[in-house]
Amino acid sequence: MSSFFSNKKLIVLLVSIIILVGLIGYSMRDREAVSGPEQVIRDSVAWVQTAFMKPAYMIAGFFENVQDMRQVYEENKLLKARLDEYAQISIERNTLRNENETLKDMLELEESLDDYLIRSAVVIHRNPDRWTEFIGLNKGSEHGIEANMGVIDSTGGLIGKVQQVSEFSSRVQLLSDNDRTNRVSAMISSDQTINGFIEGYDEDRGLLIMRKIDLEAEIEEEEMVTTTGKGGVYPSGLLIGEVVSVEPDEYGLTQNAYIKPTADFYSLDYVYVVERTSRTLDPELLEEENE
């Protein structure tokens, strides 16, 4: 009797396996319609997945929102700090401006060396053989351009001066032109005023050379160099560049500073012509001085 039941269980197991394999084969064949049992199973599984995924997504979204809120909070703190800093700078600037105007009124000053007007211009000509020497502009005497007006690029860096002017165009001599007469009266912004002249350009290193600096002057790297306004061409305060290195001149009497230009002499498209509005020394007096 027990042998019959054992064989019966074996037969049931085998039949079940055969039916299962048949169902698997039936479900794996290519067909468009889905059987009823498969549809029930798929729907049940989808419902369970949906039931578990919604809370999971909600929890994950909650933590993401908390993280986003924390990040926004930190950014908000940083922006507030920057805003406070900007407000403080604005207050200091306005205070200094008011003090400057008051001092001018007290001294009855009608002009200063940093007074100037600017006119925009477009670079329309550049000779490949004299790339670092000259550029041509689309503005001339008809637009108020005159010889010896300074020229700056869009970043405010000094690039040179107007050398020749026609009615509707002009030619600008760049600071990178190594002509010996091409010089700029400059100063280094330090604890004390350090004066010198921009004379020459190191083409290999792409650096301007500031000469005739007092041998005892202490100069540090990254100090800014600007125009003094005393050369009769440029107003004061125009950016020239920053100090890269300093070394004694060939005679050991003065120092030479190598300056990284603020302007990019190799890529000039739009510029500003600077008209100095403060007075300059009478040309006749300059001739007497040269004599």
Protein backbone atom coordinates (compact mmCIF):
# COMPACT_ATOMS: atom_id res chain seq x y z
CA MET A 1 0.00 0.00 0.00
CA SER A 2 2.79 2.38 0.92
CA SER A 3 4.54 1.58 -2.35
CA PHE A 4 1.45 2.67 -4.29
CA PHE A 5 1.29 6.04 -2.52
CA SER A 6 5.01 6.60 -3.09
CA ASN A 7 4.60 5.88 -6.79
CA LYS A 8 1.54 8.11 -6.87
CA LYS A 9 3.51 11.02 -5.42
CA LEU A 10 6.23 10.48 -7.97
CA ILE A 11 3.72 10.43 -10.79
CA VAL A 12 2.11 13.65 -9.54
CA LEU A 13 5.54 15.32 -9.32
CA LEU A 14 6.45 14.26 -12.84
CA VAL A 15 3.12 15.44 -14.23
CA SER A 16 3.53 18.77 -12.43
CA ILE A 17 7.00 19.21 -13.90
CA ILE A 18 5.70 18.40 -17.37
CA ILE A 19 2.87 20.89 -17.00
CA LEU A 20 5.27 23.58 -15.67
CA VAL A 21 7.69 23.06 -18.56
CA GLY A 22 4.80 23.22 -20.97
CA LEU A 23 3.57 26.48 -19.45
CA ILE A 24 7.05 27.94 -19.60
CA GLY A 25 7.42 26.98 -23.24
CA TYR A 26 3.99 28.35 -24.02
CA SER A 27 4.71 31.66 -22.35
CA MET A 28 8.09 32.07 -24.08
CA ARG A 29 6.84 31.64 -27.61
CA ASP A 30 6.30 34.73 -29.80
CA ARG A 31 2.70 35.89 -29.57
CA GLU A 32 0.82 39.11 -29.27
CA ALA A 33 -1.92 38.08 -26.85
CA VAL A 34 -1.23 37.40 -23.18
CA SER A 35 -2.93 34.49 -21.49
CA GLY A 36 -5.32 34.99 -18.60
CA PRO A 37 -3.04 33.53 -15.89
CA GLU A 38 -0.09 35.55 -17.16
CA GLN A 39 -2.15 38.70 -17.11
CA VAL A 40 -3.27 38.02 -13.55
CA ILE A 41 0.29 37.35 -12.41
CA ARG A 42 1.68 40.42 -14.20
CA ASP A 43 -1.02 42.68 -12.82
CA SER A 44 -0.50 41.32 -9.32
CA VAL A 45 3.25 41.82 -9.50
CA ALA A 46 2.81 45.34 -10.93
CA TRP A 47 0.36 46.23 -8.17
CA VAL A 48 2.80 45.00 -5.50
CA GLN A 49 5.68 46.88 -7.11
CA THR A 50 3.57 50.05 -7.26
CA ALA A 51 2.52 49.64 -3.65
CA PHE A 52 6.15 49.41 -2.52
CA MET A 53 7.67 51.91 -4.98
CA LYS A 54 5.41 54.84 -4.13
CA PRO A 55 6.48 54.97 -0.49
CA ALA A 56 10.09 54.33 -1.54
CA TYR A 57 9.98 57.24 -3.98
CA MET A 58 8.34 59.43 -1.39
CA ILE A 59 11.04 58.63 1.17
CA ALA A 60 13.83 59.15 -1.39
CA GLY A 61 12.22 62.41 -2.54
CA PHE A 62 11.95 63.58 1.05
CA PHE A 63 15.67 63.08 1.67
CA GLU A 64 16.52 64.72 -1.67
CA ASN A 65 14.36 67.69 -0.77
CA VAL A 66 16.06 67.94 2.61
CA GLN A 67 19.47 67.86 0.89
CA ASP A 68 18.35 70.47 -1.66
CA MET A 69 17.01 72.67 1.13
CA ARG A 70 20.32 72.40 2.97
CA GLN A 71 22.24 73.29 -0.19
CA VAL A 72 19.93 76.24 -0.90
CA TYR A 73 20.38 77.36 2.71
CA GLU A 74 24.18 77.30 2.38
CA GLU A 75 24.04 79.14 -0.93
CA ASN A 76 21.70 81.68 0.59
CA LYS A 77 24.12 82.29 3.46
CA LEU A 78 26.98 82.74 1.00
CA LEU A 79 24.97 85.15 -1.15
CA LYS A 80 23.93 87.15 1.90
CA ALA A 81 27.57 87.39 2.97
CA ARG A 82 28.56 88.53 -0.52
CA LEU A 83 25.68 91.01 -0.54
CA ASP A 84 26.77 92.43 2.80
CA GLU A 85 30.33 92.66 1.51
CA TYR A 86 29.15 94.41 -1.65
CA ALA A 87 27.05 96.82 0.37
CA GLN A 88 30.05 97.62 2.56
CA ILE A 89 32.24 98.23 -0.49
CA SER A 90 29.56 100.45 -2.00
CA ILE A 91 29.36 102.48 1.19
CA GLU A 92 33.14 102.87 1.31
CA ARG A 93 33.24 103.84 -2.37
CA ASN A 94 30.54 106.45 -1.94
CA THR A 95 32.26 107.79 1.16
CA LEU A 96 35.60 108.10 -0.63
CA ARG A 97 33.91 109.72 -3.62
CA ASN A 98 32.21 112.28 -1.41
CA GLU A 99 35.45 112.97 0.45
CA ASN A 100 37.26 113.37 -2.86
CA GLU A 101 34.69 115.83 -4.15
CA THR A 102 34.84 117.75 -0.86
CA LEU A 103 38.64 117.96 -1.00
CA LYS A 104 38.50 119.13 -4.60
CA ASP A 105 36.07 121.86 -3.64
CA MET A 106 38.26 122.88 -0.69
CA LEU A 107 41.30 123.09 -2.94
CA GLU A 108 39.29 124.66 -5.76
CA LEU A 109 40.48 121.95 -8.17
CA GLU A 110 38.62 122.00 -11.48
CA GLU A 111 40.39 119.01 -13.02
CA SER A 112 42.62 116.07 -12.17
CA LEU A 113 45.01 113.78 -14.01
CA ASP A 114 42.47 110.97 -14.06
CA ASP A 115 39.80 112.91 -15.96
CA TYR A 116 39.13 111.57 -19.46
CA LEU A 117 36.48 110.73 -22.05
CA ILE A 118 36.30 107.54 -24.10
CA ARG A 119 35.12 106.73 -27.62
CA SER A 120 34.56 103.20 -28.87
CA ALA A 121 36.27 101.95 -32.03
CA VAL A 122 36.71 98.75 -34.02
CA VAL A 123 40.03 97.30 -35.17
CA ILE A 124 39.81 97.14 -38.98
CA HIS A 125 43.44 96.62 -39.98
CA ARG A 126 46.45 94.67 -38.77
CA ASN A 127 49.60 93.90 -40.74
CA PRO A 128 50.85 90.33 -40.13
CA ASP A 129 54.44 91.54 -40.53
CA ARG A 130 53.94 94.25 -37.86
CA TRP A 131 51.40 92.45 -35.68
CA THR A 132 52.85 93.69 -32.39
CA GLU A 133 53.48 97.25 -33.59
CA PHE A 134 50.33 98.83 -35.04
CA ILE A 135 46.58 98.44 -35.49
CA GLY A 136 44.12 100.41 -37.61
CA LEU A 137 40.82 101.78 -36.27
CA ASN A 138 37.56 102.76 -37.98
CA LYS A 139 37.45 106.17 -36.30
CA GLY A 140 39.30 109.34 -37.30
CA SER A 141 39.28 113.12 -36.96
CA GLU A 142 35.64 113.23 -38.06
CA HIS A 143 34.81 111.33 -34.85
CA GLY A 144 36.95 113.51 -32.56
CA ILE A 145 40.06 111.31 -32.66
CA GLU A 146 43.39 113.13 -32.42
CA ALA A 147 47.04 112.09 -32.35
CA ASN A 148 48.51 111.12 -28.96
CA MET A 149 45.22 109.95 -27.52
CA GLY A 150 45.54 106.80 -25.43
CA VAL A 151 43.83 103.54 -26.40
CA ILE A 152 42.60 100.80 -24.07
CA ASP A 153 41.02 97.41 -24.77
CA SER A 154 37.62 96.17 -23.57
CA THR A 155 39.14 95.06 -20.23
CA GLY A 156 40.51 98.55 -19.53
CA GLY A 157 44.12 97.57 -20.18
CA LEU A 158 46.30 100.14 -21.94
CA ILE A 159 47.38 99.05 -25.43
CA GLY A 160 48.99 102.18 -26.86
CA LYS A 161 48.33 105.61 -28.37
CA VAL A 162 46.99 107.11 -31.58
CA GLN A 163 49.93 107.89 -33.83
CA GLN A 164 48.37 109.01 -37.11
CA VAL A 165 44.86 110.23 -37.92
CA SER A 166 42.94 110.62 -41.16
CA GLU A 167 39.36 111.79 -41.58
CA PHE A 168 37.68 108.42 -41.01
CA SER A 169 40.42 106.14 -39.65
CA SER A 170 43.50 106.19 -37.46
CA ARG A 171 46.61 104.18 -36.69
CA VAL A 172 47.55 103.14 -33.16
CA GLN A 173 51.08 102.41 -31.98
CA LEU A 174 50.98 99.50 -29.50
CA LEU A 175 52.98 99.34 -26.29
CA SER A 176 54.52 96.16 -27.67
CA ASP A 177 56.24 98.16 -30.42
CA ASN A 178 59.95 98.25 -29.55
CA ASP A 179 60.52 101.69 -31.05
CA ARG A 180 62.85 103.57 -28.65
CA THR A 181 60.55 106.62 -28.60
CA ASN A 182 57.59 104.50 -27.50
CA ARG A 183 57.42 105.03 -23.74
CA VAL A 184 54.85 105.48 -21.00
CA SER A 185 55.28 107.18 -17.63
CA ALA A 186 54.17 104.48 -15.18
CA MET A 187 54.00 103.78 -11.47
CA ILE A 188 53.76 100.65 -9.35
CA SER A 189 51.03 100.57 -6.73
CA SER A 190 52.86 99.75 -3.52
CA ASP A 191 53.22 101.08 0.02
CA GLN A 192 55.02 103.97 -1.63
CA THR A 193 54.83 105.36 -5.16
CA ILE A 194 57.44 103.74 -7.41
CA ASN A 195 57.88 105.51 -10.74
CA GLY A 196 59.44 104.37 -13.98
CA PHE A 197 58.89 104.15 -17.72
CA ILE A 198 57.45 101.39 -19.89
CA GLU A 199 60.16 101.07 -22.54
CA GLY A 200 60.38 97.94 -24.64
CA TYR A 201 58.68 94.59 -25.02
CA ASP A 202 60.07 91.09 -24.55
CA GLU A 203 58.45 89.24 -27.47
CA ASP A 204 59.65 85.81 -26.34
CA ARG A 205 58.01 86.14 -22.93
CA GLY A 206 55.18 88.47 -23.92
CA LEU A 207 56.13 90.97 -21.18
CA LEU A 208 56.48 94.75 -21.09
CA ILE A 209 59.65 96.18 -19.57
CA MET A 210 59.49 98.97 -17.00
CA ARG A 211 62.86 100.73 -16.73
CA LYS A 212 64.56 103.44 -14.67
CA ILE A 213 63.18 102.23 -11.34
CA ASP A 214 65.03 103.32 -8.22
CA LEU A 215 67.52 100.63 -7.25
CA GLU A 216 66.46 100.83 -3.60
CA ALA A 217 62.74 100.41 -4.34
CA GLU A 218 61.22 97.23 -2.94
CA ILE A 219 58.91 95.66 -5.49
CA GLU A 220 56.88 92.48 -5.09
CA GLU A 221 55.35 90.23 -7.70
CA GLU A 222 51.71 90.78 -8.74
CA GLU A 223 51.81 94.47 -7.82
CA MET A 224 49.76 96.50 -10.28
CA VAL A 225 51.26 99.00 -12.73
CA THR A 226 49.27 102.01 -13.96
CA THR A 227 49.87 105.26 -15.83
CA THR A 228 50.98 108.30 -13.81
CA GLY A 229 49.26 110.91 -16.00
CA LYS A 230 52.44 113.00 -16.05
CA GLY A 231 53.64 112.09 -19.52
CA GLY A 232 51.23 114.47 -21.22
CA VAL A 233 49.50 111.71 -23.24
CA TYR A 234 47.63 109.35 -20.94
CA PRO A 235 45.44 110.17 -17.95
CA SER A 236 46.48 108.63 -14.66
CA GLY A 237 45.19 105.31 -13.39
CA LEU A 238 44.98 103.37 -16.67
CA LEU A 239 45.87 99.74 -16.08
CA ILE A 240 49.07 98.52 -17.73
CA GLY A 241 49.64 95.15 -16.04
CA GLU A 242 51.17 93.40 -13.04
CA VAL A 243 54.77 92.77 -12.01
CA VAL A 244 56.12 89.32 -12.86
CA SER A 245 59.79 89.72 -11.97
CA VAL A 246 62.39 92.39 -11.12
CA GLU A 247 66.11 92.52 -11.86
CA PRO A 248 68.91 95.16 -11.94
CA ASP A 249 69.54 96.82 -15.29
CA GLU A 250 72.66 96.09 -17.35
CA TYR A 251 74.62 98.84 -15.57
CA GLY A 252 73.46 98.03 -12.06
CA LEU A 253 72.23 101.61 -11.49
CA THR A 254 68.46 101.07 -11.68
CA GLN A 255 65.98 98.21 -11.77
CA ASN A 256 63.93 96.71 -14.57
CA ALA A 257 60.51 95.22 -13.87
CA TYR A 258 58.89 92.77 -16.27
CA ILE A 259 55.17 93.42 -16.57
CA LYS A 260 52.44 91.02 -17.69
CA PRO A 261 50.07 93.25 -19.71
CA THR A 262 46.43 93.51 -18.71
CA ALA A 263 45.54 93.77 -22.39
CA ASP A 264 46.01 90.95 -24.88
CA PHE A 265 47.99 92.55 -27.73
CA TYR A 266 47.53 89.50 -29.96
CA SER A 267 43.71 89.56 -29.87
CA LEU A 268 42.26 93.05 -30.33
CA ASP A 269 38.82 93.58 -31.85
CA TYR A 270 37.05 96.36 -29.95
CA VAL A 271 38.89 99.21 -28.23
CA TYR A 272 38.30 102.59 -26.58
CA VAL A 273 40.12 105.79 -27.49
CA VAL A 274 40.86 107.82 -24.37
CA GLU A 275 40.73 111.60 -24.56
CA ARG A 276 42.56 113.20 -21.69
CA THR A 277 40.60 116.25 -20.49
CA SER A 278 43.13 117.68 -18.04
CA ARG A 279 45.62 120.22 -19.26
CA THR A 280 49.06 119.37 -20.61
CA LEU A 281 52.23 121.41 -20.75
CA ASP A 282 52.34 123.94 -23.58
CA PRO A 283 54.28 122.52 -26.60
CA GLU A 284 56.47 125.63 -26.71
CA LEU A 285 57.57 125.01 -23.14
CA LEU A 286 58.33 121.40 -24.06
CA GLU A 287 60.55 122.57 -26.90
CA GLU A 288 62.41 124.90 -24.54
CA GLU A 289 62.86 122.02 -22.10
CA ASN A 290 64.31 119.79 -24.85
CA GLU A 291 66.72 122.55 -25.85
